[in-house]
Amino acid sequence: PSLPNAGPHPADDAVAPPALIPERAGLAPGDRPLALLEIILVSGILTDILAVALAAWLTGFGRSGVHERPFGLFVFLMISTVFILGSVALCQHLRRDRPEVRLRIRPRSGWGWELGAVLFCIPVVFVTMSAVQMLLLLLDPQWVQQGNPVLAMIRTPADLSLFLVSGVIAGVVREEIQRAFIIRRCAVFFWAPWLGLLLWSGVFGLAHAPQGPAAIVTTALLGLEFGIFYLWRGSLPVPVAVHALFNVAVLVIYWTTR
């Protein structure tokens, strides 16, 4: 029999568990499967099906016509945004006892530093997009589609207004919260934030396949850059601001040069 205060048995040291990575310390057996379900929910794969059906019913355009008219696309994006943000809020509520999982809205540093980061990141985005477009043209001009079928729907100031609103709310707030959520879930419950960033950037690019091969590459790179901005700053203000300014600039440039 063991004697009191005899100290640990040598065999105990041999089976002692290794130190856990801080962010993954204390994971319950069901945490990873639940996190995977949360990622699928927030990705919009399922909710967008319902959003299309609701938008088709509300507008009367039909499922195939929702994405072909500015107002139909606007209604779909707004409904989709509500579903995505609601899914994130639900998942955050379920993890209310895990504060390290929650998304950080306020910056870690002062707002002045965030403004400086935004001013630095905006030209980086435009320079990299221009460089990628030029490289794709050099490799194979057929990869770069002439004209953008989505932007081509903008024919009136009312259409432009709908695109500006949806470009900021759905194209920025939804996408950046969605991306940050997936990155954070991968950081805490899986192996690394980069896994979520790389996989979601690929999905983000493939979602733009109807716009041509160049759109897949450029949007995937955009998603990667915005994710890097989030990881760099550790909060949402910089990627949200840069993405919003980028979308607005693209729409205004298209409208004034069409």
C-alpha atoms as a PDB file:
ATOM      1  CA  PRO A   1       0.000   0.000   0.000  1.00  0.00           C
ATOM      2  CA  SER A   2       1.114   3.558  -0.659  1.00  0.00           C
ATOM      3  CA  LEU A   3       2.385   5.532   2.284  1.00  0.00           C
ATOM      4  CA  PRO A   4       0.946   8.988   3.059  1.00  0.00           C
ATOM      5  CA  ASN A   5       2.938  11.884   1.607  1.00  0.00           C
ATOM      6  CA  ALA A   6       5.126   9.443  -0.272  1.00  0.00           C
ATOM      7  CA  GLY A   7       5.019  11.601  -3.418  1.00  0.00           C
ATOM      8  CA  PRO A   8       3.938  10.597  -6.923  1.00  0.00           C
ATOM      9  CA  HIS A   9       4.668   7.123  -8.167  1.00  0.00           C
ATOM     10  CA  PRO A  10       7.102   7.006 -11.134  1.00  0.00           C
ATOM     11  CA  ALA A  11       4.394   5.477 -13.296  1.00  0.00           C
ATOM     12  CA  ASP A  12       2.189   8.520 -12.667  1.00  0.00           C
ATOM     13  CA  ASP A  13       4.728  10.768 -14.378  1.00  0.00           C
ATOM     14  CA  ALA A  14       4.856   8.453 -17.374  1.00  0.00           C
ATOM     15  CA  VAL A  15       1.147   8.838 -18.061  1.00  0.00           C
ATOM     16  CA  ALA A  16       0.787  12.485 -17.105  1.00  0.00           C
ATOM     17  CA  PRO A  17      -1.033  14.408 -19.862  1.00  0.00           C
ATOM     18  CA  PRO A  18       0.987  16.977 -21.814  1.00  0.00           C
ATOM     19  CA  ALA A  19       0.350  20.647 -21.277  1.00  0.00           C
ATOM     20  CA  LEU A  20      -2.649  21.811 -23.251  1.00  0.00           C
ATOM     21  CA  ILE A  21      -2.551  24.686 -25.706  1.00  0.00           C
ATOM     22  CA  PRO A  22      -4.109  27.575 -23.726  1.00  0.00           C
ATOM     23  CA  GLU A  23      -6.923  28.278 -26.177  1.00  0.00           C
ATOM     24  CA  ARG A  24      -7.906  24.600 -26.289  1.00  0.00           C
ATOM     25  CA  ALA A  25      -7.566  23.870 -22.576  1.00  0.00           C
ATOM     26  CA  GLY A  26     -10.583  22.256 -21.027  1.00  0.00           C
ATOM     27  CA  LEU A  27     -12.318  21.143 -24.240  1.00  0.00           C
ATOM     28  CA  ALA A  28     -15.246  18.855 -23.587  1.00  0.00           C
ATOM     29  CA  PRO A  29     -15.677  15.758 -25.795  1.00  0.00           C
ATOM     30  CA  GLY A  30     -18.552  17.367 -27.723  1.00  0.00           C
ATOM     31  CA  ASP A  31     -16.949  20.773 -28.242  1.00  0.00           C
ATOM     32  CA  ARG A  32     -15.371  20.047 -31.620  1.00  0.00           C
ATOM     33  CA  PRO A  33     -18.452  18.436 -33.240  1.00  0.00           C
ATOM     34  CA  LEU A  34     -20.571  21.326 -31.957  1.00  0.00           C
ATOM     35  CA  ALA A  35     -18.059  23.851 -33.306  1.00  0.00           C
ATOM     36  CA  LEU A  36     -18.179  22.151 -36.711  1.00  0.00           C
ATOM     37  CA  LEU A  37     -21.978  22.380 -36.737  1.00  0.00           C
ATOM     38  CA  GLU A  38     -21.723  26.056 -35.775  1.00  0.00           C
ATOM     39  CA  ILE A  39     -19.327  26.712 -38.673  1.00  0.00           C
ATOM     40  CA  ILE A  40     -21.700  24.999 -41.114  1.00  0.00           C
ATOM     41  CA  LEU A  41     -24.623  27.035 -39.768  1.00  0.00           C
ATOM     42  CA  VAL A  42     -22.781  30.363 -39.946  1.00  0.00           C
ATOM     43  CA  SER A  43     -21.367  29.588 -43.404  1.00  0.00           C
ATOM     44  CA  GLY A  44     -24.830  30.158 -44.880  1.00  0.00           C
ATOM     45  CA  ILE A  45     -24.872  26.880 -46.799  1.00  0.00           C
ATOM     46  CA  LEU A  46     -28.248  26.005 -45.280  1.00  0.00           C
ATOM     47  CA  THR A  47     -29.680  29.404 -44.403  1.00  0.00           C
ATOM     48  CA  ASP A  48     -29.145  30.820 -47.901  1.00  0.00           C
ATOM     49  CA  ILE A  49     -31.526  28.190 -49.300  1.00  0.00           C
ATOM     50  CA  LEU A  50     -34.235  29.525 -47.010  1.00  0.00           C
ATOM     51  CA  ALA A  51     -33.213  33.132 -47.784  1.00  0.00           C
ATOM     52  CA  VAL A  52     -33.648  32.548 -51.535  1.00  0.00           C
ATOM     53  CA  ALA A  53     -37.095  31.021 -50.973  1.00  0.00           C
ATOM     54  CA  LEU A  54     -38.209  33.940 -48.786  1.00  0.00           C
ATOM     55  CA  ALA A  55     -36.814  36.544 -51.177  1.00  0.00           C
ATOM     56  CA  ALA A  56     -38.547  34.865 -54.122  1.00  0.00           C
ATOM     57  CA  TRP A  57     -41.846  34.854 -52.216  1.00  0.00           C
ATOM     58  CA  LEU A  58     -41.549  38.471 -51.024  1.00  0.00           C
ATOM     59  CA  THR A  59     -40.537  39.906 -54.399  1.00  0.00           C
ATOM     60  CA  GLY A  60     -42.496  37.599 -56.696  1.00  0.00           C
ATOM     61  CA  PHE A  61     -39.428  37.195 -58.931  1.00  0.00           C
ATOM     62  CA  GLY A  62     -39.147  33.446 -58.473  1.00  0.00           C
ATOM     63  CA  ARG A  63     -36.079  31.565 -57.270  1.00  0.00           C
ATOM     64  CA  SER A  64     -34.227  31.956 -60.570  1.00  0.00           C
ATOM     65  CA  GLY A  65     -34.993  35.666 -60.852  1.00  0.00           C
ATOM     66  CA  VAL A  66     -33.940  36.773 -57.383  1.00  0.00           C
ATOM     67  CA  HIS A  67     -30.259  37.070 -58.303  1.00  0.00           C
ATOM     68  CA  GLU A  68     -30.982  38.713 -61.670  1.00  0.00           C
ATOM     69  CA  ARG A  69     -32.641  41.913 -60.440  1.00  0.00           C
ATOM     70  CA  PRO A  70     -31.135  44.555 -58.121  1.00  0.00           C
ATOM     71  CA  PHE A  71     -34.130  44.613 -55.788  1.00  0.00           C
ATOM     72  CA  GLY A  72     -34.367  40.826 -55.656  1.00  0.00           C
ATOM     73  CA  LEU A  73     -30.656  40.533 -54.896  1.00  0.00           C
ATOM     74  CA  PHE A  74     -30.980  43.256 -52.252  1.00  0.00           C
ATOM     75  CA  VAL A  75     -33.863  41.464 -50.490  1.00  0.00           C
ATOM     76  CA  PHE A  76     -32.009  38.153 -50.591  1.00  0.00           C
ATOM     77  CA  LEU A  77     -28.833  39.678 -49.141  1.00  0.00           C
ATOM     78  CA  MET A  78     -30.715  41.413 -46.340  1.00  0.00           C
ATOM     79  CA  ILE A  79     -32.536  38.218 -45.363  1.00  0.00           C
ATOM     80  CA  SER A  80     -29.307  36.242 -45.592  1.00  0.00           C
ATOM     81  CA  THR A  81     -27.564  38.805 -43.391  1.00  0.00           C
ATOM     82  CA  VAL A  82     -30.273  38.524 -40.731  1.00  0.00           C
ATOM     83  CA  PHE A  83     -29.934  34.738 -40.760  1.00  0.00           C
ATOM     84  CA  ILE A  84     -26.126  34.820 -40.534  1.00  0.00           C
ATOM     85  CA  LEU A  85     -26.002  37.412 -37.757  1.00  0.00           C
ATOM     86  CA  GLY A  86     -28.749  35.558 -35.905  1.00  0.00           C
ATOM     87  CA  SER A  87     -26.769  32.323 -36.227  1.00  0.00           C
ATOM     88  CA  VAL A  88     -23.653  34.003 -34.851  1.00  0.00           C
ATOM     89  CA  ALA A  89     -25.633  35.483 -31.935  1.00  0.00           C
ATOM     90  CA  LEU A  90     -27.129  32.077 -31.175  1.00  0.00           C
ATOM     91  CA  CYS A  91     -23.748  30.364 -31.212  1.00  0.00           C
ATOM     92  CA  GLN A  92     -22.238  33.105 -29.051  1.00  0.00           C
ATOM     93  CA  HIS A  93     -25.063  32.609 -26.567  1.00  0.00           C
ATOM     94  CA  LEU A  94     -24.445  28.866 -26.444  1.00  0.00           C
ATOM     95  CA  ARG A  95     -20.788  29.592 -25.641  1.00  0.00           C
ATOM     96  CA  ARG A  96     -21.598  32.200 -22.997  1.00  0.00           C
ATOM     97  CA  ASP A  97     -19.329  30.416 -20.507  1.00  0.00           C
ATOM     98  CA  ARG A  98     -16.353  30.629 -22.905  1.00  0.00           C
ATOM     99  CA  PRO A  99     -15.419  34.328 -23.179  1.00  0.00           C
ATOM    100  CA  GLU A 100     -12.265  33.548 -25.178  1.00  0.00           C
ATOM    101  CA  VAL A 101     -14.488  32.289 -28.014  1.00  0.00           C
ATOM    102  CA  ARG A 102     -16.415  35.523 -28.423  1.00  0.00           C
ATOM    103  CA  LEU A 103     -15.642  37.871 -31.286  1.00  0.00           C
ATOM    104  CA  ARG A 104     -13.934  41.091 -30.313  1.00  0.00           C
ATOM    105  CA  ILE A 105     -15.744  44.180 -31.607  1.00  0.00           C
ATOM    106  CA  ARG A 106     -13.783  46.957 -29.919  1.00  0.00           C
ATOM    107  CA  PRO A 107     -10.128  47.349 -30.933  1.00  0.00           C
ATOM    108  CA  ARG A 108      -7.341  46.169 -28.663  1.00  0.00           C
ATOM    109  CA  SER A 109      -5.508  49.460 -29.166  1.00  0.00           C
ATOM    110  CA  GLY A 110      -6.861  52.999 -29.474  1.00  0.00           C
ATOM    111  CA  TRP A 111      -9.086  54.126 -32.319  1.00  0.00           C
ATOM    112  CA  GLY A 112      -6.263  56.271 -33.659  1.00  0.00           C
ATOM    113  CA  TRP A 113      -4.162  53.170 -34.270  1.00  0.00           C
ATOM    114  CA  GLU A 114      -7.120  51.533 -36.014  1.00  0.00           C
ATOM    115  CA  LEU A 115      -7.534  54.541 -38.310  1.00  0.00           C
ATOM    116  CA  GLY A 116      -3.856  54.358 -39.193  1.00  0.00           C
ATOM    117  CA  ALA A 117      -4.203  50.645 -39.930  1.00  0.00           C
ATOM    118  CA  VAL A 118      -7.195  51.334 -42.205  1.00  0.00           C
ATOM    119  CA  LEU A 119      -5.253  53.988 -44.145  1.00  0.00           C
ATOM    120  CA  PHE A 120      -2.383  51.516 -44.539  1.00  0.00           C
ATOM    121  CA  CYS A 121      -4.554  48.575 -45.612  1.00  0.00           C
ATOM    122  CA  ILE A 122      -6.706  50.306 -48.252  1.00  0.00           C
ATOM    123  CA  PRO A 123      -3.884  50.909 -50.781  1.00  0.00           C
ATOM    124  CA  VAL A 124      -2.549  47.412 -50.045  1.00  0.00           C
ATOM    125  CA  VAL A 125      -5.884  45.928 -51.171  1.00  0.00           C
ATOM    126  CA  PHE A 126      -6.064  47.976 -54.369  1.00  0.00           C
ATOM    127  CA  VAL A 127      -2.420  47.349 -55.286  1.00  0.00           C
ATOM    128  CA  THR A 128      -2.696  43.591 -54.782  1.00  0.00           C
ATOM    129  CA  MET A 129      -5.956  43.411 -56.746  1.00  0.00           C
ATOM    130  CA  SER A 130      -4.429  45.345 -59.638  1.00  0.00           C
ATOM    131  CA  ALA A 131      -1.312  43.167 -59.584  1.00  0.00           C
ATOM    132  CA  VAL A 132      -3.365  39.956 -59.642  1.00  0.00           C
ATOM    133  CA  GLN A 133      -5.500  41.222 -62.522  1.00  0.00           C
ATOM    134  CA  MET A 134      -2.394  42.097 -64.537  1.00  0.00           C
ATOM    135  CA  LEU A 135      -0.818  38.715 -63.786  1.00  0.00           C
ATOM    136  CA  LEU A 136      -3.956  36.866 -64.863  1.00  0.00           C
ATOM    137  CA  LEU A 137      -4.079  38.877 -68.087  1.00  0.00           C
ATOM    138  CA  LEU A 138      -0.480  37.943 -68.821  1.00  0.00           C
ATOM    139  CA  LEU A 139      -1.064  34.251 -68.104  1.00  0.00           C
ATOM    140  CA  ASP A 140      -4.306  33.900 -70.061  1.00  0.00           C
ATOM    141  CA  PRO A 141      -6.483  36.881 -71.078  1.00  0.00           C
ATOM    142  CA  GLN A 142      -9.496  34.573 -71.385  1.00  0.00           C
ATOM    143  CA  TRP A 143      -9.477  34.107 -67.623  1.00  0.00           C
ATOM    144  CA  VAL A 144     -10.466  37.754 -67.134  1.00  0.00           C
ATOM    145  CA  GLN A 145     -14.133  38.117 -67.963  1.00  0.00           C
ATOM    146  CA  GLN A 146     -15.076  41.262 -69.841  1.00  0.00           C
ATOM    147  CA  GLY A 147     -17.559  43.045 -67.620  1.00  0.00           C
ATOM    148  CA  ASN A 148     -19.087  41.941 -64.349  1.00  0.00           C
ATOM    149  CA  PRO A 149     -22.595  40.437 -64.623  1.00  0.00           C
ATOM    150  CA  VAL A 150     -23.455  41.577 -61.108  1.00  0.00           C
ATOM    151  CA  LEU A 151     -22.341  45.177 -61.622  1.00  0.00           C
ATOM    152  CA  ALA A 152     -24.061  45.183 -65.035  1.00  0.00           C
ATOM    153  CA  MET A 153     -27.412  45.122 -63.215  1.00  0.00           C
ATOM    154  CA  ILE A 154     -26.760  48.681 -62.004  1.00  0.00           C
ATOM    155  CA  ARG A 155     -28.614  50.878 -64.493  1.00  0.00           C
ATOM    156  CA  THR A 156     -30.234  53.613 -62.383  1.00  0.00           C
ATOM    157  CA  PRO A 157     -29.339  55.650 -59.300  1.00  0.00           C
ATOM    158  CA  ALA A 158     -31.874  53.551 -57.378  1.00  0.00           C
ATOM    159  CA  ASP A 159     -30.001  50.398 -58.378  1.00  0.00           C
ATOM    160  CA  LEU A 160     -26.745  51.979 -57.246  1.00  0.00           C
ATOM    161  CA  SER A 161     -28.288  52.882 -53.893  1.00  0.00           C
ATOM    162  CA  LEU A 162     -29.456  49.307 -53.352  1.00  0.00           C
ATOM    163  CA  PHE A 163     -25.997  47.995 -54.183  1.00  0.00           C
ATOM    164  CA  LEU A 164     -24.293  50.495 -51.886  1.00  0.00           C
ATOM    165  CA  VAL A 165     -26.505  49.524 -48.938  1.00  0.00           C
ATOM    166  CA  SER A 166     -26.216  45.800 -49.559  1.00  0.00           C
ATOM    167  CA  GLY A 167     -22.498  46.128 -50.328  1.00  0.00           C
ATOM    168  CA  VAL A 168     -21.869  47.614 -46.891  1.00  0.00           C
ATOM    169  CA  ILE A 169     -24.382  45.677 -44.782  1.00  0.00           C
ATOM    170  CA  ALA A 170     -24.370  42.272 -46.472  1.00  0.00           C
ATOM    171  CA  GLY A 171     -21.044  42.445 -48.262  1.00  0.00           C
ATOM    172  CA  VAL A 172     -19.115  43.795 -45.300  1.00  0.00           C
ATOM    173  CA  VAL A 173     -20.791  43.392 -41.913  1.00  0.00           C
ATOM    174  CA  ARG A 174     -22.098  39.903 -42.669  1.00  0.00           C
ATOM    175  CA  GLU A 175     -18.985  38.637 -44.431  1.00  0.00           C
ATOM    176  CA  GLU A 176     -16.479  39.988 -41.925  1.00  0.00           C
ATOM    177  CA  ILE A 177     -18.402  38.703 -38.896  1.00  0.00           C
ATOM    178  CA  GLN A 178     -18.851  35.392 -40.714  1.00  0.00           C
ATOM    179  CA  ARG A 179     -15.136  35.167 -41.531  1.00  0.00           C
ATOM    180  CA  ALA A 180     -14.025  36.202 -38.052  1.00  0.00           C
ATOM    181  CA  PHE A 181     -16.398  33.685 -36.474  1.00  0.00           C
ATOM    182  CA  ILE A 182     -15.004  30.810 -38.550  1.00  0.00           C
ATOM    183  CA  ILE A 183     -11.405  31.875 -37.889  1.00  0.00           C
ATOM    184  CA  ARG A 184     -12.094  32.105 -34.158  1.00  0.00           C
ATOM    185  CA  ARG A 185     -13.816  28.726 -34.006  1.00  0.00           C
ATOM    186  CA  CYS A 186     -10.836  27.101 -35.759  1.00  0.00           C
ATOM    187  CA  ALA A 187      -8.400  28.847 -33.417  1.00  0.00           C
ATOM    188  CA  VAL A 188     -10.158  27.632 -30.287  1.00  0.00           C
ATOM    189  CA  PHE A 189     -11.621  24.251 -31.172  1.00  0.00           C
ATOM    190  CA  PHE A 190      -9.398  22.975 -33.962  1.00  0.00           C
ATOM    191  CA  TRP A 191      -5.744  23.400 -34.830  1.00  0.00           C
ATOM    192  CA  ALA A 192      -5.073  26.960 -35.974  1.00  0.00           C
ATOM    193  CA  PRO A 193      -6.861  30.120 -37.142  1.00  0.00           C
ATOM    194  CA  TRP A 194      -5.052  29.834 -40.482  1.00  0.00           C
ATOM    195  CA  LEU A 195      -6.934  26.633 -41.231  1.00  0.00           C
ATOM    196  CA  GLY A 196     -10.246  28.454 -41.080  1.00  0.00           C
ATOM    197  CA  LEU A 197      -8.900  31.444 -42.983  1.00  0.00           C
ATOM    198  CA  LEU A 198      -7.489  29.402 -45.877  1.00  0.00           C
ATOM    199  CA  LEU A 199     -10.494  27.113 -46.214  1.00  0.00           C
ATOM    200  CA  TRP A 200     -13.024  29.930 -46.007  1.00  0.00           C
ATOM    201  CA  SER A 201     -11.073  32.082 -48.483  1.00  0.00           C
ATOM    202  CA  GLY A 202     -11.301  29.217 -50.966  1.00  0.00           C
ATOM    203  CA  VAL A 203     -15.042  28.870 -50.387  1.00  0.00           C
ATOM    204  CA  PHE A 204     -15.434  32.648 -50.672  1.00  0.00           C
ATOM    205  CA  GLY A 205     -13.681  32.602 -54.035  1.00  0.00           C
ATOM    206  CA  LEU A 206     -15.652  29.644 -55.417  1.00  0.00           C
ATOM    207  CA  ALA A 207     -18.890  31.425 -54.522  1.00  0.00           C
ATOM    208  CA  HIS A 208     -18.011  33.933 -57.276  1.00  0.00           C
ATOM    209  CA  ALA A 209     -17.476  31.257 -59.948  1.00  0.00           C
ATOM    210  CA  PRO A 210     -20.292  32.627 -62.215  1.00  0.00           C
ATOM    211  CA  GLN A 211     -18.171  35.772 -62.659  1.00  0.00           C
ATOM    212  CA  GLY A 212     -15.281  33.836 -64.189  1.00  0.00           C
ATOM    213  CA  PRO A 213     -11.922  32.335 -63.128  1.00  0.00           C
ATOM    214  CA  ALA A 214     -10.376  35.735 -62.404  1.00  0.00           C
ATOM    215  CA  ALA A 215     -13.204  36.525 -59.972  1.00  0.00           C
ATOM    216  CA  ILE A 216     -12.536  33.270 -58.098  1.00  0.00           C
ATOM    217  CA  VAL A 217      -8.860  34.131 -57.662  1.00  0.00           C
ATOM    218  CA  THR A 218      -9.320  37.803 -56.797  1.00  0.00           C
ATOM    219  CA  THR A 219     -12.172  37.302 -54.331  1.00  0.00           C
ATOM    220  CA  ALA A 220     -10.346  34.430 -52.641  1.00  0.00           C
ATOM    221  CA  LEU A 221      -7.326  36.711 -52.279  1.00  0.00           C
ATOM    222  CA  LEU A 222      -9.552  39.507 -50.974  1.00  0.00           C
ATOM    223  CA  GLY A 223     -11.005  37.187 -48.352  1.00  0.00           C
ATOM    224  CA  LEU A 224      -7.496  36.102 -47.400  1.00  0.00           C
ATOM    225  CA  GLU A 225      -6.373  39.724 -47.014  1.00  0.00           C
ATOM    226  CA  PHE A 226      -9.366  40.740 -44.909  1.00  0.00           C
ATOM    227  CA  GLY A 227      -8.781  37.697 -42.711  1.00  0.00           C
ATOM    228  CA  ILE A 228      -5.124  38.643 -42.300  1.00  0.00           C
ATOM    229  CA  PHE A 229      -6.205  42.149 -41.270  1.00  0.00           C
ATOM    230  CA  TYR A 230      -8.485  40.587 -38.636  1.00  0.00           C
ATOM    231  CA  LEU A 231      -5.710  38.361 -37.298  1.00  0.00           C
ATOM    232  CA  TRP A 232      -3.272  41.285 -37.302  1.00  0.00           C
ATOM    233  CA  ARG A 233      -5.525  43.640 -35.368  1.00  0.00           C
ATOM    234  CA  GLY A 234      -7.356  40.998 -33.295  1.00  0.00           C
ATOM    235  CA  SER A 235     -10.725  42.714 -33.749  1.00  0.00           C
ATOM    236  CA  LEU A 236     -13.279  43.632 -36.404  1.00  0.00           C
ATOM    237  CA  PRO A 237     -13.074  47.425 -36.993  1.00  0.00           C
ATOM    238  CA  VAL A 238     -10.160  47.403 -39.463  1.00  0.00           C
ATOM    239  CA  PRO A 239     -11.354  44.624 -41.820  1.00  0.00           C
ATOM    240  CA  VAL A 240     -14.908  45.988 -41.699  1.00  0.00           C
ATOM    241  CA  ALA A 241     -13.806  49.545 -42.535  1.00  0.00           C
ATOM    242  CA  VAL A 242     -11.374  48.479 -45.279  1.00  0.00           C
ATOM    243  CA  HIS A 243     -13.909  46.135 -46.863  1.00  0.00           C
ATOM    244  CA  ALA A 244     -16.642  48.788 -46.773  1.00  0.00           C
ATOM    245  CA  LEU A 245     -14.433  51.449 -48.363  1.00  0.00           C
ATOM    246  CA  PHE A 246     -13.276  48.988 -51.008  1.00  0.00           C
ATOM    247  CA  ASN A 247     -16.844  47.985 -51.960  1.00  0.00           C
ATOM    248  CA  VAL A 248     -18.037  51.587 -52.076  1.00  0.00           C
ATOM    249  CA  ALA A 249     -15.052  52.629 -54.194  1.00  0.00           C
ATOM    250  CA  VAL A 250     -15.623  49.794 -56.685  1.00  0.00           C
ATOM    251  CA  LEU A 251     -19.307  50.694 -57.054  1.00  0.00           C
ATOM    252  CA  VAL A 252     -18.666  54.428 -57.443  1.00  0.00           C
ATOM    253  CA  ILE A 253     -15.877  53.858 -59.965  1.00  0.00           C
ATOM    254  CA  TYR A 254     -18.106  51.542 -61.974  1.00  0.00           C
ATOM    255  CA  TRP A 255     -21.001  54.007 -61.918  1.00  0.00           C
ATOM    256  CA  THR A 256     -18.905  56.986 -62.973  1.00  0.00           C
ATOM    257  CA  THR A 257     -17.017  55.134 -65.743  1.00  0.00           C
ATOM    258  CA  ARG A 258     -19.710  52.825 -67.085  1.00  0.00           C
END
